[in-house]
Amino acid sequence: MGRIFEVRKSTMFARWDRMAKQFTRIGKEIVIAVKAGGPDPDSNSALRRAIQNAKNVNMPKDRIDAAIKRAQGKDMANYDEILYEGYAPHGVAVLVETATDNHVRTVANVKSIFNKGDGVLGNSGSVAFQFKKLGAFRLDPEGINTEELEFELIDHGLEEMGDGTLENGEEVLVLRCAFSDFGNMQKALEEMNLTPISAEVEWIPTTTVELSEEQAQDVLKLVDKLEQDEDVQKVFHNLA
């Protein structure tokens, strides 16, 4: 009984940690959006997107409103979005998206994590060429005619459409477009009264690396350490 309780407690804490990390990430997205385009989501598409992503991770409305209010304060830090590139063990390419108010701290932390995980932090351009930067929209597929939707969105930059799942196992429809068409796609979906569950930018690898289970664990440990850093927003890799 004691062992079962410890496992449940460990799982619960892990869930809380993941939720806290998600809230921090979305909070930074909101701050960046407000500082760039103002606090009104009706006239700020980036803020609308951030709010929708916040709802997707069950961020309470009062926390969303508080983040918007904080972003308008004169003392609120400005976050710079910086992409770091490197290699995990066994030649796996890794991209690390960060939002930071202290470049020195962030690069030192990211470099340390790579080094301790038997990886190496590379220069700008050393890894990104192995990925495509795409916009990704996830929709509830219920009631959607996928053939009609695909036909409607091709002129707005749709590159691919397929099935996917969220972390909770919920099935979703995934739409991807070139990053340059992100705004066009978002506007088209809004005009069709389709509200995405999430709308994000993703780096999709053009080729992947096959590893043994043991080698893959080496890579995933490094990725996990990176994701735990307070300045890291997302981590992408080309591990199959």
C-alpha atoms as a PDB file:
ATOM      1  CA  MET A   1       0.000   0.000   0.000  1.00  0.00           C
ATOM      2  CA  GLY A   2       2.817   2.393   0.909  1.00  0.00           C
ATOM      3  CA  ARG A   3       4.576   1.713  -2.384  1.00  0.00           C
ATOM      4  CA  ILE A   4       1.385   2.421  -4.351  1.00  0.00           C
ATOM      5  CA  PHE A   5       0.925   5.692  -2.462  1.00  0.00           C
ATOM      6  CA  GLU A   6       4.502   6.768  -3.260  1.00  0.00           C
ATOM      7  CA  VAL A   7       4.014   6.020  -6.960  1.00  0.00           C
ATOM      8  CA  ARG A   8       0.758   7.953  -7.025  1.00  0.00           C
ATOM      9  CA  LYS A   9       2.341  10.875  -5.188  1.00  0.00           C
ATOM     10  CA  SER A  10       5.291  10.883  -7.593  1.00  0.00           C
ATOM     11  CA  THR A  11       2.915  10.867 -10.573  1.00  0.00           C
ATOM     12  CA  MET A  12       0.877  13.691  -9.049  1.00  0.00           C
ATOM     13  CA  PHE A  13       3.958  15.860  -8.476  1.00  0.00           C
ATOM     14  CA  ALA A  14       5.160  15.182 -12.020  1.00  0.00           C
ATOM     15  CA  ARG A  15       1.772  16.317 -13.343  1.00  0.00           C
ATOM     16  CA  TRP A  16       1.917  19.471 -11.233  1.00  0.00           C
ATOM     17  CA  ASP A  17       5.457  20.212 -12.442  1.00  0.00           C
ATOM     18  CA  ARG A  18       4.379  19.776 -16.057  1.00  0.00           C
ATOM     19  CA  MET A  19       1.348  22.029 -15.531  1.00  0.00           C
ATOM     20  CA  ALA A  20       3.463  24.702 -13.804  1.00  0.00           C
ATOM     21  CA  LYS A  21       5.925  24.614 -16.714  1.00  0.00           C
ATOM     22  CA  GLN A  22       3.098  24.936 -19.239  1.00  0.00           C
ATOM     23  CA  PHE A  23       1.624  27.900 -17.368  1.00  0.00           C
ATOM     24  CA  THR A  24       5.038  29.611 -17.268  1.00  0.00           C
ATOM     25  CA  ARG A  25       5.557  29.027 -21.000  1.00  0.00           C
ATOM     26  CA  ILE A  26       2.110  30.346 -21.917  1.00  0.00           C
ATOM     27  CA  GLY A  27       2.530  33.282 -19.529  1.00  0.00           C
ATOM     28  CA  LYS A  28       5.631  34.348 -21.451  1.00  0.00           C
ATOM     29  CA  GLU A  29       3.771  33.949 -24.753  1.00  0.00           C
ATOM     30  CA  ILE A  30       1.076  36.281 -23.435  1.00  0.00           C
ATOM     31  CA  VAL A  31       3.628  38.877 -22.273  1.00  0.00           C
ATOM     32  CA  ILE A  32       5.433  38.819 -25.636  1.00  0.00           C
ATOM     33  CA  ALA A  33       2.130  39.126 -27.516  1.00  0.00           C
ATOM     34  CA  VAL A  34       0.825  42.007 -25.376  1.00  0.00           C
ATOM     35  CA  LYS A  35       4.067  43.979 -25.594  1.00  0.00           C
ATOM     36  CA  ALA A  36       4.129  43.526 -29.365  1.00  0.00           C
ATOM     37  CA  GLY A  37       0.475  44.160 -30.181  1.00  0.00           C
ATOM     38  CA  GLY A  38      -1.408  45.450 -27.147  1.00  0.00           C
ATOM     39  CA  PRO A  39      -3.795  43.895 -24.590  1.00  0.00           C
ATOM     40  CA  ASP A  40      -6.913  43.582 -26.782  1.00  0.00           C
ATOM     41  CA  PRO A  41      -7.199  40.074 -28.242  1.00  0.00           C
ATOM     42  CA  ASP A  42      -9.732  41.319 -30.822  1.00  0.00           C
ATOM     43  CA  SER A  43      -7.013  43.349 -32.527  1.00  0.00           C
ATOM     44  CA  ASN A  44      -4.018  41.191 -31.544  1.00  0.00           C
ATOM     45  CA  SER A  45      -3.963  37.843 -33.313  1.00  0.00           C
ATOM     46  CA  ALA A  46      -0.846  36.684 -31.431  1.00  0.00           C
ATOM     47  CA  LEU A  47      -2.610  37.302 -28.124  1.00  0.00           C
ATOM     48  CA  ARG A  48      -5.708  35.450 -29.326  1.00  0.00           C
ATOM     49  CA  ARG A  49      -3.478  32.518 -30.176  1.00  0.00           C
ATOM     50  CA  ALA A  50      -1.725  32.636 -26.785  1.00  0.00           C
ATOM     51  CA  ILE A  51      -5.058  32.765 -24.932  1.00  0.00           C
ATOM     52  CA  GLN A  52      -6.337  29.765 -26.885  1.00  0.00           C
ATOM     53  CA  ASN A  53      -3.151  27.841 -26.082  1.00  0.00           C
ATOM     54  CA  ALA A  54      -3.625  28.775 -22.417  1.00  0.00           C
ATOM     55  CA  LYS A  55      -7.124  27.315 -22.454  1.00  0.00           C
ATOM     56  CA  ASN A  56      -5.744  24.159 -24.061  1.00  0.00           C
ATOM     57  CA  VAL A  57      -3.540  23.509 -20.999  1.00  0.00           C
ATOM     58  CA  ASN A  58      -6.414  24.405 -18.624  1.00  0.00           C
ATOM     59  CA  MET A  59      -4.848  27.663 -17.458  1.00  0.00           C
ATOM     60  CA  PRO A  60      -7.492  29.410 -15.286  1.00  0.00           C
ATOM     61  CA  LYS A  61      -9.065  32.571 -16.716  1.00  0.00           C
ATOM     62  CA  ASP A  62      -7.950  34.655 -13.742  1.00  0.00           C
ATOM     63  CA  ARG A  63      -4.337  33.671 -14.422  1.00  0.00           C
ATOM     64  CA  ILE A  64      -4.703  34.568 -18.102  1.00  0.00           C
ATOM     65  CA  ASP A  65      -6.175  37.969 -17.189  1.00  0.00           C
ATOM     66  CA  ALA A  66      -3.433  38.517 -14.597  1.00  0.00           C
ATOM     67  CA  ALA A  67      -0.735  37.739 -17.174  1.00  0.00           C
ATOM     68  CA  ILE A  68      -2.234  40.253 -19.606  1.00  0.00           C
ATOM     69  CA  LYS A  69      -2.391  42.891 -16.864  1.00  0.00           C
ATOM     70  CA  ARG A  70       1.204  42.222 -15.749  1.00  0.00           C
ATOM     71  CA  ALA A  71       2.413  42.521 -19.323  1.00  0.00           C
ATOM     72  CA  GLN A  72       1.161  46.115 -19.420  1.00  0.00           C
ATOM     73  CA  GLY A  73       3.176  47.117 -16.347  1.00  0.00           C
ATOM     74  CA  LYS A  74       6.233  49.302 -16.828  1.00  0.00           C
ATOM     75  CA  ASP A  75       8.330  47.016 -14.627  1.00  0.00           C
ATOM     76  CA  MET A  76       7.475  43.845 -16.559  1.00  0.00           C
ATOM     77  CA  ALA A  77      10.545  42.260 -18.109  1.00  0.00           C
ATOM     78  CA  ASN A  78      10.944  42.122 -21.867  1.00  0.00           C
ATOM     79  CA  TYR A  79      11.476  38.609 -23.177  1.00  0.00           C
ATOM     80  CA  ASP A  80      13.640  37.938 -26.211  1.00  0.00           C
ATOM     81  CA  GLU A  81      12.931  34.789 -28.188  1.00  0.00           C
ATOM     82  CA  ILE A  82      16.200  33.003 -29.001  1.00  0.00           C
ATOM     83  CA  LEU A  83      16.709  29.714 -30.832  1.00  0.00           C
ATOM     84  CA  TYR A  84      19.649  27.545 -29.764  1.00  0.00           C
ATOM     85  CA  GLU A  85      20.958  24.693 -31.900  1.00  0.00           C
ATOM     86  CA  GLY A  86      22.979  21.670 -30.938  1.00  0.00           C
ATOM     87  CA  TYR A  87      23.448  17.928 -30.984  1.00  0.00           C
ATOM     88  CA  ALA A  88      22.382  15.386 -28.407  1.00  0.00           C
ATOM     89  CA  PRO A  89      24.319  12.125 -28.024  1.00  0.00           C
ATOM     90  CA  HIS A  90      24.463   9.801 -31.060  1.00  0.00           C
ATOM     91  CA  GLY A  91      24.168  12.659 -33.580  1.00  0.00           C
ATOM     92  CA  VAL A  92      20.571  13.681 -32.892  1.00  0.00           C
ATOM     93  CA  ALA A  93      19.872  17.286 -33.929  1.00  0.00           C
ATOM     94  CA  VAL A  94      18.181  19.469 -31.303  1.00  0.00           C
ATOM     95  CA  LEU A  95      16.529  22.901 -31.480  1.00  0.00           C
ATOM     96  CA  VAL A  96      15.785  24.789 -28.265  1.00  0.00           C
ATOM     97  CA  GLU A  97      13.308  27.667 -28.296  1.00  0.00           C
ATOM     98  CA  THR A  98      13.760  30.075 -25.375  1.00  0.00           C
ATOM     99  CA  ALA A  99      12.134  33.255 -24.087  1.00  0.00           C
ATOM    100  CA  THR A 100      14.520  35.082 -21.798  1.00  0.00           C
ATOM    101  CA  ASP A 101      15.159  38.357 -20.017  1.00  0.00           C
ATOM    102  CA  ASN A 102      18.802  37.385 -19.398  1.00  0.00           C
ATOM    103  CA  HIS A 103      20.775  36.110 -22.397  1.00  0.00           C
ATOM    104  CA  VAL A 104      23.899  35.335 -20.373  1.00  0.00           C
ATOM    105  CA  ARG A 105      22.038  33.109 -17.932  1.00  0.00           C
ATOM    106  CA  THR A 106      20.137  31.296 -20.638  1.00  0.00           C
ATOM    107  CA  VAL A 107      23.057  30.444 -22.895  1.00  0.00           C
ATOM    108  CA  ALA A 108      25.115  29.322 -19.887  1.00  0.00           C
ATOM    109  CA  ASN A 109      22.326  27.017 -18.690  1.00  0.00           C
ATOM    110  CA  VAL A 110      21.606  25.568 -22.132  1.00  0.00           C
ATOM    111  CA  LYS A 111      25.293  24.965 -22.822  1.00  0.00           C
ATOM    112  CA  SER A 112      25.751  23.290 -19.431  1.00  0.00           C
ATOM    113  CA  ILE A 113      22.822  20.941 -20.050  1.00  0.00           C
ATOM    114  CA  PHE A 114      24.201  19.938 -23.458  1.00  0.00           C
ATOM    115  CA  ASN A 115      27.674  19.327 -22.019  1.00  0.00           C
ATOM    116  CA  LYS A 116      26.466  17.290 -19.035  1.00  0.00           C
ATOM    117  CA  GLY A 117      24.249  15.225 -21.339  1.00  0.00           C
ATOM    118  CA  ASP A 118      27.154  14.330 -23.664  1.00  0.00           C
ATOM    119  CA  GLY A 119      25.846  16.709 -26.289  1.00  0.00           C
ATOM    120  CA  VAL A 120      27.245  19.892 -27.775  1.00  0.00           C
ATOM    121  CA  LEU A 121      25.791  23.361 -28.296  1.00  0.00           C
ATOM    122  CA  GLY A 122      26.357  24.486 -31.877  1.00  0.00           C
ATOM    123  CA  ASN A 123      26.429  27.784 -33.732  1.00  0.00           C
ATOM    124  CA  SER A 124      23.451  29.473 -35.347  1.00  0.00           C
ATOM    125  CA  GLY A 125      22.575  27.624 -38.552  1.00  0.00           C
ATOM    126  CA  SER A 126      24.400  24.420 -37.608  1.00  0.00           C
ATOM    127  CA  VAL A 127      21.197  22.417 -37.050  1.00  0.00           C
ATOM    128  CA  ALA A 128      18.125  24.386 -38.171  1.00  0.00           C
ATOM    129  CA  PHE A 129      18.638  23.491 -41.847  1.00  0.00           C
ATOM    130  CA  GLN A 130      17.572  19.941 -40.948  1.00  0.00           C
ATOM    131  CA  PHE A 131      14.098  21.151 -39.949  1.00  0.00           C
ATOM    132  CA  LYS A 132      11.139  22.912 -41.549  1.00  0.00           C
ATOM    133  CA  LYS A 133       9.542  25.765 -39.601  1.00  0.00           C
ATOM    134  CA  LEU A 134       5.785  25.245 -39.831  1.00  0.00           C
ATOM    135  CA  GLY A 135       2.619  26.580 -38.288  1.00  0.00           C
ATOM    136  CA  ALA A 136       0.552  23.852 -36.619  1.00  0.00           C
ATOM    137  CA  PHE A 137      -3.151  24.121 -35.805  1.00  0.00           C
ATOM    138  CA  ARG A 138      -4.957  21.411 -33.832  1.00  0.00           C
ATOM    139  CA  LEU A 139      -8.729  21.202 -34.160  1.00  0.00           C
ATOM    140  CA  ASP A 140     -11.503  19.126 -32.651  1.00  0.00           C
ATOM    141  CA  PRO A 141     -12.430  16.922 -35.643  1.00  0.00           C
ATOM    142  CA  GLU A 142     -16.075  16.518 -34.588  1.00  0.00           C
ATOM    143  CA  GLY A 143     -18.430  17.858 -37.237  1.00  0.00           C
ATOM    144  CA  ILE A 144     -15.658  18.773 -39.679  1.00  0.00           C
ATOM    145  CA  ASN A 145     -15.742  17.615 -43.280  1.00  0.00           C
ATOM    146  CA  THR A 146     -12.018  17.171 -43.847  1.00  0.00           C
ATOM    147  CA  GLU A 147     -12.240  17.116 -47.649  1.00  0.00           C
ATOM    148  CA  GLU A 148     -14.122  20.421 -47.743  1.00  0.00           C
ATOM    149  CA  LEU A 149     -11.809  21.953 -45.145  1.00  0.00           C
ATOM    150  CA  GLU A 150      -8.712  20.907 -47.080  1.00  0.00           C
ATOM    151  CA  PHE A 151     -10.141  22.395 -50.277  1.00  0.00           C
ATOM    152  CA  GLU A 152     -10.960  25.693 -48.517  1.00  0.00           C
ATOM    153  CA  LEU A 153      -7.558  26.046 -46.860  1.00  0.00           C
ATOM    154  CA  ILE A 154      -5.232  25.162 -49.746  1.00  0.00           C
ATOM    155  CA  ASP A 155      -5.380  28.757 -50.975  1.00  0.00           C
ATOM    156  CA  HIS A 156      -4.433  29.942 -47.475  1.00  0.00           C
ATOM    157  CA  GLY A 157      -1.216  27.953 -47.297  1.00  0.00           C
ATOM    158  CA  LEU A 158      -2.260  24.507 -46.082  1.00  0.00           C
ATOM    159  CA  GLU A 159       0.611  22.073 -46.674  1.00  0.00           C
ATOM    160  CA  GLU A 160      -0.568  18.967 -44.850  1.00  0.00           C
ATOM    161  CA  MET A 161      -3.505  17.653 -42.870  1.00  0.00           C
ATOM    162  CA  GLY A 162      -3.567  14.573 -40.661  1.00  0.00           C
ATOM    163  CA  ASP A 163      -4.675  12.965 -37.440  1.00  0.00           C
ATOM    164  CA  GLY A 164      -2.936  13.465 -34.114  1.00  0.00           C
ATOM    165  CA  THR A 165      -3.411  13.147 -30.367  1.00  0.00           C
ATOM    166  CA  LEU A 166      -2.926  15.473 -27.415  1.00  0.00           C
ATOM    167  CA  GLU A 167      -1.067  14.513 -24.232  1.00  0.00           C
ATOM    168  CA  ASN A 168      -4.382  13.452 -22.664  1.00  0.00           C
ATOM    169  CA  GLY A 169      -5.058  11.067 -25.543  1.00  0.00           C
ATOM    170  CA  GLU A 170      -7.693  13.269 -27.191  1.00  0.00           C
ATOM    171  CA  GLU A 171      -7.814  12.816 -30.967  1.00  0.00           C
ATOM    172  CA  VAL A 172      -7.327  15.976 -33.002  1.00  0.00           C
ATOM    173  CA  LEU A 173      -7.068  17.116 -36.595  1.00  0.00           C
ATOM    174  CA  VAL A 174      -3.640  18.624 -37.308  1.00  0.00           C
ATOM    175  CA  LEU A 175      -3.176  21.284 -40.001  1.00  0.00           C
ATOM    176  CA  ARG A 176       0.287  22.513 -40.972  1.00  0.00           C
ATOM    177  CA  CYS A 177       1.379  25.421 -43.127  1.00  0.00           C
ATOM    178  CA  ALA A 178       4.591  27.274 -43.906  1.00  0.00           C
ATOM    179  CA  PHE A 179       5.538  29.707 -41.149  1.00  0.00           C
ATOM    180  CA  SER A 180       5.082  32.589 -43.595  1.00  0.00           C
ATOM    181  CA  ASP A 181       1.412  31.554 -44.012  1.00  0.00           C
ATOM    182  CA  PHE A 182       0.695  31.286 -40.269  1.00  0.00           C
ATOM    183  CA  GLY A 183      -1.331  34.514 -40.160  1.00  0.00           C
ATOM    184  CA  ASN A 184      -3.267  33.632 -43.317  1.00  0.00           C
ATOM    185  CA  MET A 185      -4.216  30.255 -41.901  1.00  0.00           C
ATOM    186  CA  GLN A 186      -5.256  31.679 -38.544  1.00  0.00           C
ATOM    187  CA  LYS A 187      -7.410  34.322 -40.218  1.00  0.00           C
ATOM    188  CA  ALA A 188      -9.040  31.741 -42.531  1.00  0.00           C
ATOM    189  CA  LEU A 189      -9.957  29.479 -39.616  1.00  0.00           C
ATOM    190  CA  GLU A 190     -11.411  32.421 -37.697  1.00  0.00           C
ATOM    191  CA  GLU A 191     -13.524  33.409 -40.704  1.00  0.00           C
ATOM    192  CA  MET A 192     -14.803  29.815 -40.838  1.00  0.00           C
ATOM    193  CA  ASN A 193     -15.676  30.024 -37.099  1.00  0.00           C
ATOM    194  CA  LEU A 194     -13.227  27.224 -36.327  1.00  0.00           C
ATOM    195  CA  THR A 195     -11.380  27.772 -33.044  1.00  0.00           C
ATOM    196  CA  PRO A 196      -8.184  25.705 -32.801  1.00  0.00           C
ATOM    197  CA  ILE A 197      -7.448  23.799 -29.613  1.00  0.00           C
ATOM    198  CA  SER A 198      -3.908  25.088 -30.080  1.00  0.00           C
ATOM    199  CA  ALA A 199      -2.010  27.130 -32.668  1.00  0.00           C
ATOM    200  CA  GLU A 200       1.770  26.969 -32.486  1.00  0.00           C
ATOM    201  CA  VAL A 201       4.983  27.104 -34.466  1.00  0.00           C
ATOM    202  CA  GLU A 202       6.796  23.780 -34.804  1.00  0.00           C
ATOM    203  CA  TRP A 203      10.139  22.675 -36.226  1.00  0.00           C
ATOM    204  CA  ILE A 204       9.565  19.437 -38.143  1.00  0.00           C
ATOM    205  CA  PRO A 205      12.669  17.377 -39.038  1.00  0.00           C
ATOM    206  CA  THR A 206      13.205  16.645 -42.723  1.00  0.00           C
ATOM    207  CA  THR A 207      15.002  13.394 -41.816  1.00  0.00           C
ATOM    208  CA  THR A 208      15.068  11.358 -38.621  1.00  0.00           C
ATOM    209  CA  VAL A 209      17.680   9.309 -36.752  1.00  0.00           C
ATOM    210  CA  GLU A 210      16.967   5.708 -35.756  1.00  0.00           C
ATOM    211  CA  LEU A 211      18.551   4.626 -32.456  1.00  0.00           C
ATOM    212  CA  SER A 212      18.430   1.671 -30.115  1.00  0.00           C
ATOM    213  CA  GLU A 213      16.196   2.004 -27.062  1.00  0.00           C
ATOM    214  CA  GLU A 214      19.202   2.565 -24.809  1.00  0.00           C
ATOM    215  CA  GLN A 215      20.656   5.248 -27.075  1.00  0.00           C
ATOM    216  CA  ALA A 216      17.250   6.916 -27.423  1.00  0.00           C
ATOM    217  CA  GLN A 217      17.040   7.173 -23.625  1.00  0.00           C
ATOM    218  CA  ASP A 218      20.331   9.092 -23.624  1.00  0.00           C
ATOM    219  CA  VAL A 219      18.783  11.623 -25.995  1.00  0.00           C
ATOM    220  CA  LEU A 220      15.469  11.872 -24.153  1.00  0.00           C
ATOM    221  CA  LYS A 221      17.240  12.519 -20.838  1.00  0.00           C
ATOM    222  CA  LEU A 222      18.965  15.515 -22.397  1.00  0.00           C
ATOM    223  CA  VAL A 223      15.702  16.745 -23.911  1.00  0.00           C
ATOM    224  CA  ASP A 224      13.952  16.402 -20.545  1.00  0.00           C
ATOM    225  CA  LYS A 225      16.670  18.423 -18.795  1.00  0.00           C
ATOM    226  CA  LEU A 226      16.355  21.159 -21.402  1.00  0.00           C
ATOM    227  CA  GLU A 227      12.570  21.258 -21.057  1.00  0.00           C
ATOM    228  CA  GLN A 228      12.897  21.725 -17.297  1.00  0.00           C
ATOM    229  CA  ASP A 229      14.936  24.937 -17.662  1.00  0.00           C
ATOM    230  CA  GLU A 230      12.916  28.048 -16.764  1.00  0.00           C
ATOM    231  CA  ASP A 231      13.900  29.905 -19.947  1.00  0.00           C
ATOM    232  CA  VAL A 232      13.137  27.064 -22.362  1.00  0.00           C
ATOM    233  CA  GLN A 233       9.806  27.198 -24.166  1.00  0.00           C
ATOM    234  CA  LYS A 234      10.024  24.137 -26.423  1.00  0.00           C
ATOM    235  CA  VAL A 235      12.526  21.535 -27.593  1.00  0.00           C
ATOM    236  CA  PHE A 236      12.490  19.851 -31.001  1.00  0.00           C
ATOM    237  CA  HIS A 237      14.676  16.980 -32.219  1.00  0.00           C
ATOM    238  CA  ASN A 238      14.990  14.531 -35.103  1.00  0.00           C
ATOM    239  CA  LEU A 239      14.997  11.313 -33.098  1.00  0.00           C
ATOM    240  CA  ALA A 240      12.684   8.863 -34.853  1.00  0.00           C
END
